[in-house]
Amino acid sequence: MYVNDTNFMNKYLLIFTLITISFSVRADDGRTDSPGKPKGEWISLFDGRSLKGWHLFNKTSEIKTWKIEDGALVCLGGKGPSGSGDIFTDQSFADFELRWEWKVDKGSNSGVFYHVLEDPKYKRAIETAPEYQIIDDINFPAKLEDSQKAGADYGMYTPSDIKQLKPIGEWNTSRIIFKNGHVEHWLNDIRIIKFKAWKKDWTKRKTEGKWKDYPDYGMSKAGLIGLQDHGNKAYFKNIEIREL
């Protein structure tokens, strides 16, 4: 039946609008695995062609143990003192989401640091910086503790059993989310770790575990992003970050 009634049509449009808004709110009701919405655009930390934007820890000398291969940033596996081949961004970040792709050779070990502090009093980045562990879980020559396996918050938090690691030679995708002390580790689109930095559980793990002799470990709320040279070959590409 045709109805030529302006009031009726206005009421109909109002009801339709309210229903649409209701469904929109339900579709975005805050139930998300990521803490908060990003404030910044994605920034590329590696241009695929050079080491521009990266430097050695506490140094300005030439980087010799990393090179570019087929658009990937490749650690060649330096044989110097522990941590001497690690490289770091020139830029510092506080709350962020970092994503990248990586792979390792058979038996290799590496990692990604964040909130790295540089100062002559620190000999290595691990004295201050949490690490997303990158390693060949299966073929690494030594027995690994769970908090030393791929995707772990090294020496602190263990990856979930639902972790899915790609075979050697295939690219994995990873993410670190840090927002007001809320931390998430993702591996191949699966969240494998979630914890709160600086809370009771975190402090207990730090003071009773591997980092008990490093008072500054994990205490900074901002710092550099770093890639570890653990003496093995490791590959990184599509390294991007956005501030949260």
Protein backbone atom coordinates (compact mmCIF):
# COMPACT_ATOMS: atom_id res chain seq x y z
CA MET A 1 0.00 0.00 0.00
CA TYR A 2 1.38 3.42 -0.93
CA VAL A 3 1.54 5.83 1.99
CA ASN A 4 2.04 9.52 1.31
CA ASP A 5 2.66 10.57 4.91
CA THR A 6 5.74 12.65 5.76
CA ASN A 7 5.56 11.95 9.49
CA PHE A 8 5.31 8.22 8.86
CA MET A 9 8.35 8.29 6.56
CA ASN A 10 10.38 10.32 9.06
CA LYS A 11 9.58 7.84 11.82
CA TYR A 12 10.55 4.96 9.52
CA LEU A 13 13.90 6.58 8.69
CA LEU A 14 14.59 7.25 12.38
CA ILE A 15 13.93 3.61 13.32
CA PHE A 16 16.14 2.39 10.44
CA THR A 17 18.97 4.71 11.54
CA LEU A 18 18.80 3.51 15.15
CA ILE A 19 18.92 -0.13 14.05
CA THR A 20 21.95 0.58 11.84
CA ILE A 21 23.79 2.33 14.68
CA SER A 22 23.00 -0.56 17.02
CA PHE A 23 24.52 -3.10 14.67
CA SER A 24 27.57 -0.87 14.10
CA VAL A 25 28.21 -0.63 17.85
CA ARG A 26 27.92 -4.39 18.25
CA ALA A 27 30.37 -4.93 15.41
CA ASP A 28 32.95 -2.70 17.09
CA ASP A 29 32.30 -3.14 20.80
CA GLY A 30 35.93 -3.13 21.87
CA ARG A 31 36.32 -6.90 22.05
CA THR A 32 39.65 -7.07 20.28
CA ASP A 33 42.95 -8.77 20.94
CA SER A 34 44.91 -5.57 20.38
CA PRO A 35 45.08 -2.98 23.20
CA GLY A 36 43.73 0.29 21.82
CA LYS A 37 43.66 1.84 18.38
CA PRO A 38 46.84 3.03 16.64
CA LYS A 39 47.56 6.73 16.57
CA GLY A 40 50.20 6.59 13.88
CA GLU A 41 50.74 5.33 10.37
CA TRP A 42 52.95 2.37 9.57
CA ILE A 43 56.62 3.33 9.26
CA SER A 44 59.10 1.17 7.39
CA LEU A 45 62.29 0.54 9.40
CA PHE A 46 64.09 -1.16 6.51
CA ASP A 47 64.08 0.13 2.93
CA GLY A 48 65.06 -3.23 1.40
CA ARG A 49 68.21 -1.76 -0.13
CA SER A 50 70.48 -0.45 2.62
CA LEU A 51 71.26 -0.26 6.34
CA LYS A 52 70.04 3.32 6.49
CA GLY A 53 68.48 4.05 9.88
CA TRP A 54 70.44 1.32 11.71
CA HIS A 55 73.64 1.36 13.78
CA LEU A 56 75.70 -0.85 16.08
CA PHE A 57 75.16 -0.70 19.84
CA ASN A 58 76.84 2.39 21.30
CA LYS A 59 78.83 2.82 18.08
CA THR A 60 78.87 4.76 14.82
CA SER A 61 81.32 2.47 13.02
CA GLU A 62 80.55 0.57 9.81
CA ILE A 63 78.22 -2.42 10.06
CA LYS A 64 80.10 -5.39 8.59
CA THR A 65 78.19 -8.46 9.78
CA TRP A 66 74.88 -7.60 8.10
CA LYS A 67 74.09 -7.22 4.41
CA ILE A 68 71.19 -7.01 1.97
CA GLU A 69 70.23 -10.17 0.05
CA ASP A 70 67.21 -10.22 -2.29
CA GLY A 71 65.52 -7.40 -0.39
CA ALA A 72 66.13 -8.96 3.02
CA LEU A 73 68.29 -7.72 5.90
CA VAL A 74 70.59 -10.64 6.63
CA CYS A 75 72.75 -11.30 9.66
CA LEU A 76 75.89 -13.07 8.52
CA GLY A 77 76.77 -14.33 11.99
CA GLY A 78 79.63 -12.32 13.44
CA LYS A 79 82.24 -14.01 15.63
CA GLY A 80 83.00 -11.06 17.89
CA PRO A 81 82.05 -10.59 21.56
CA SER A 82 78.45 -11.34 22.48
CA GLY A 83 76.16 -8.53 21.36
CA SER A 84 78.83 -6.74 19.33
CA GLY A 85 77.03 -7.37 16.04
CA ASP A 86 73.53 -6.43 17.17
CA ILE A 87 72.01 -3.53 15.20
CA PHE A 88 69.50 -0.91 16.33
CA THR A 89 67.18 1.72 14.91
CA ASP A 90 68.24 5.34 15.07
CA GLN A 91 64.71 6.20 16.23
CA SER A 92 63.23 5.48 19.67
CA PHE A 93 59.69 4.21 20.32
CA ALA A 94 57.43 3.96 23.39
CA ASP A 95 53.99 2.38 22.78
CA PHE A 96 54.03 0.61 19.42
CA GLU A 97 53.02 -2.26 17.19
CA LEU A 98 55.94 -3.83 15.35
CA ARG A 99 55.56 -6.36 12.55
CA TRP A 100 58.13 -8.16 10.43
CA GLU A 101 58.95 -11.35 8.54
CA TRP A 102 61.85 -13.62 9.42
CA LYS A 103 63.51 -16.95 8.81
CA VAL A 104 66.66 -18.68 10.04
CA ASP A 105 69.06 -21.31 8.79
CA LYS A 106 69.19 -24.74 10.41
CA GLY A 107 70.24 -24.44 14.07
CA SER A 108 70.29 -20.62 14.01
CA ASN A 109 69.45 -18.22 16.83
CA SER A 110 68.52 -14.51 16.77
CA GLY A 111 65.98 -12.14 18.26
CA VAL A 112 64.23 -8.77 18.19
CA PHE A 113 64.79 -6.28 21.02
CA TYR A 114 62.69 -3.30 22.02
CA HIS A 115 63.02 -0.37 24.45
CA VAL A 116 66.80 -0.66 24.11
CA LEU A 117 68.82 1.91 26.07
CA GLU A 118 72.26 2.98 24.91
CA ASP A 119 74.81 4.15 27.45
CA PRO A 120 78.53 3.40 28.00
CA LYS A 121 77.61 1.64 31.24
CA TYR A 122 75.79 -1.06 29.24
CA LYS A 123 77.89 -3.60 27.37
CA ARG A 124 74.98 -5.33 25.59
CA ALA A 125 71.39 -4.57 24.71
CA ILE A 126 70.08 -7.50 26.75
CA GLU A 127 71.01 -5.66 29.93
CA THR A 128 68.00 -3.39 29.40
CA ALA A 129 65.88 -4.75 26.57
CA PRO A 130 63.18 -7.44 26.40
CA GLU A 131 63.63 -9.83 23.47
CA TYR A 132 61.25 -11.62 21.12
CA GLN A 133 63.13 -14.87 20.64
CA ILE A 134 63.91 -16.10 17.12
CA ILE A 135 65.41 -19.57 16.88
CA ASP A 136 65.26 -22.98 15.23
CA ASP A 137 63.41 -24.86 17.97
CA ILE A 138 64.04 -28.27 16.42
CA ASN A 139 67.67 -28.23 15.33
CA PHE A 140 69.31 -25.86 17.79
CA PRO A 141 72.33 -27.78 19.13
CA ALA A 142 71.57 -27.22 22.84
CA LYS A 143 68.50 -28.13 24.88
CA LEU A 144 66.13 -25.18 25.06
CA GLU A 145 63.99 -24.15 27.99
CA ASP A 146 60.45 -23.16 27.05
CA SER A 147 61.21 -19.47 27.60
CA GLN A 148 64.08 -19.77 25.09
CA LYS A 149 61.97 -21.08 22.21
CA ALA A 150 60.78 -19.15 19.17
CA GLY A 151 58.29 -16.43 19.99
CA ALA A 152 59.14 -16.38 23.72
CA ASP A 153 59.70 -13.25 25.73
CA TYR A 154 63.23 -14.50 26.25
CA GLY A 155 63.89 -15.70 29.77
CA MET A 156 60.50 -14.50 30.98
CA TYR A 157 57.33 -15.77 29.25
CA THR A 158 56.70 -19.01 27.36
CA PRO A 159 54.82 -19.26 24.04
CA SER A 160 51.41 -20.92 23.98
CA ASP A 161 51.10 -24.54 22.85
CA ILE A 162 49.05 -23.36 19.85
CA LYS A 163 52.19 -21.80 18.34
CA GLN A 164 52.75 -22.71 14.69
CA LEU A 165 56.33 -22.30 13.51
CA LYS A 166 57.14 -22.56 9.80
CA PRO A 167 59.74 -25.10 8.61
CA ILE A 168 63.34 -23.97 8.15
CA GLY A 169 63.71 -21.87 5.01
CA GLU A 170 60.14 -20.53 5.09
CA TRP A 171 59.20 -17.02 6.18
CA ASN A 172 57.42 -16.50 9.50
CA THR A 173 55.43 -13.37 10.34
CA SER A 174 55.68 -11.86 13.82
CA ARG A 175 54.28 -8.95 15.80
CA ILE A 176 55.03 -7.28 19.11
CA ILE A 177 52.41 -5.01 20.63
CA PHE A 178 53.36 -2.79 23.56
CA LYS A 179 50.72 -0.47 25.00
CA ASN A 180 50.98 1.01 28.51
CA GLY A 181 52.78 -2.09 29.74
CA HIS A 182 50.39 -4.52 28.02
CA VAL A 183 52.52 -6.80 25.85
CA GLU A 184 51.54 -9.29 23.16
CA HIS A 185 53.67 -11.60 21.00
CA TRP A 186 52.16 -12.91 17.77
CA LEU A 187 53.54 -15.60 15.46
CA ASN A 188 51.99 -16.43 12.09
CA ASP A 189 48.73 -14.65 12.98
CA ILE A 190 48.35 -16.41 16.34
CA ARG A 191 48.76 -14.61 19.65
CA ILE A 192 51.15 -16.80 21.63
CA ILE A 193 51.98 -14.58 24.62
CA LYS A 194 50.17 -11.88 26.60
CA PHE A 195 51.41 -10.27 29.82
CA LYS A 196 51.62 -7.04 31.80
CA ALA A 197 55.06 -5.50 32.28
CA TRP A 198 56.01 -4.14 35.71
CA LYS A 199 53.21 -5.97 37.54
CA LYS A 200 53.71 -8.46 40.38
CA ASP A 201 54.10 -11.56 38.19
CA TRP A 202 56.50 -9.80 35.81
CA THR A 203 58.62 -8.47 38.70
CA LYS A 204 58.80 -11.92 40.31
CA ARG A 205 60.00 -13.51 37.06
CA LYS A 206 62.61 -10.80 36.62
CA THR A 207 64.02 -10.76 40.14
CA GLU A 208 64.09 -14.53 40.56
CA GLY A 209 65.18 -15.54 37.08
CA LYS A 210 67.71 -14.77 34.35
CA TRP A 211 67.56 -11.01 34.82
CA LYS A 212 68.00 -10.82 38.61
CA ASP A 213 71.45 -9.25 38.21
CA TYR A 214 70.27 -6.67 35.67
CA PRO A 215 68.28 -4.01 37.56
CA ASP A 216 67.56 -1.95 34.44
CA TYR A 217 66.21 -4.86 32.41
CA GLY A 218 62.76 -4.07 31.04
CA MET A 219 62.32 -0.92 33.11
CA SER A 220 62.41 1.62 30.28
CA LYS A 221 59.13 2.77 28.76
CA ALA A 222 60.79 3.82 25.51
CA GLY A 223 63.86 2.89 23.51
CA LEU A 224 65.31 1.54 20.28
CA ILE A 225 64.31 -1.52 18.26
CA GLY A 226 67.13 -4.03 17.75
CA LEU A 227 68.02 -7.14 15.75
CA GLN A 228 70.31 -9.68 17.34
CA ASP A 229 73.52 -11.12 15.91
CA HIS A 230 73.92 -14.38 17.82
CA GLY A 231 76.66 -15.70 15.55
CA ASN A 232 74.18 -17.39 13.20
CA LYS A 233 72.59 -16.48 9.90
CA ALA A 234 69.12 -14.91 10.17
CA TYR A 235 66.93 -13.06 7.68
CA PHE A 236 64.50 -10.15 8.17
CA LYS A 237 62.23 -8.22 5.80
CA ASN A 238 59.14 -6.00 5.74
CA ILE A 239 60.03 -4.50 9.14
CA GLU A 240 57.34 -1.93 9.99
CA ILE A 241 56.21 -0.11 13.11
CA ARG A 242 53.40 2.23 14.16
CA GLU A 243 53.09 4.20 17.34
CA LEU A 244 50.08 3.49 19.55
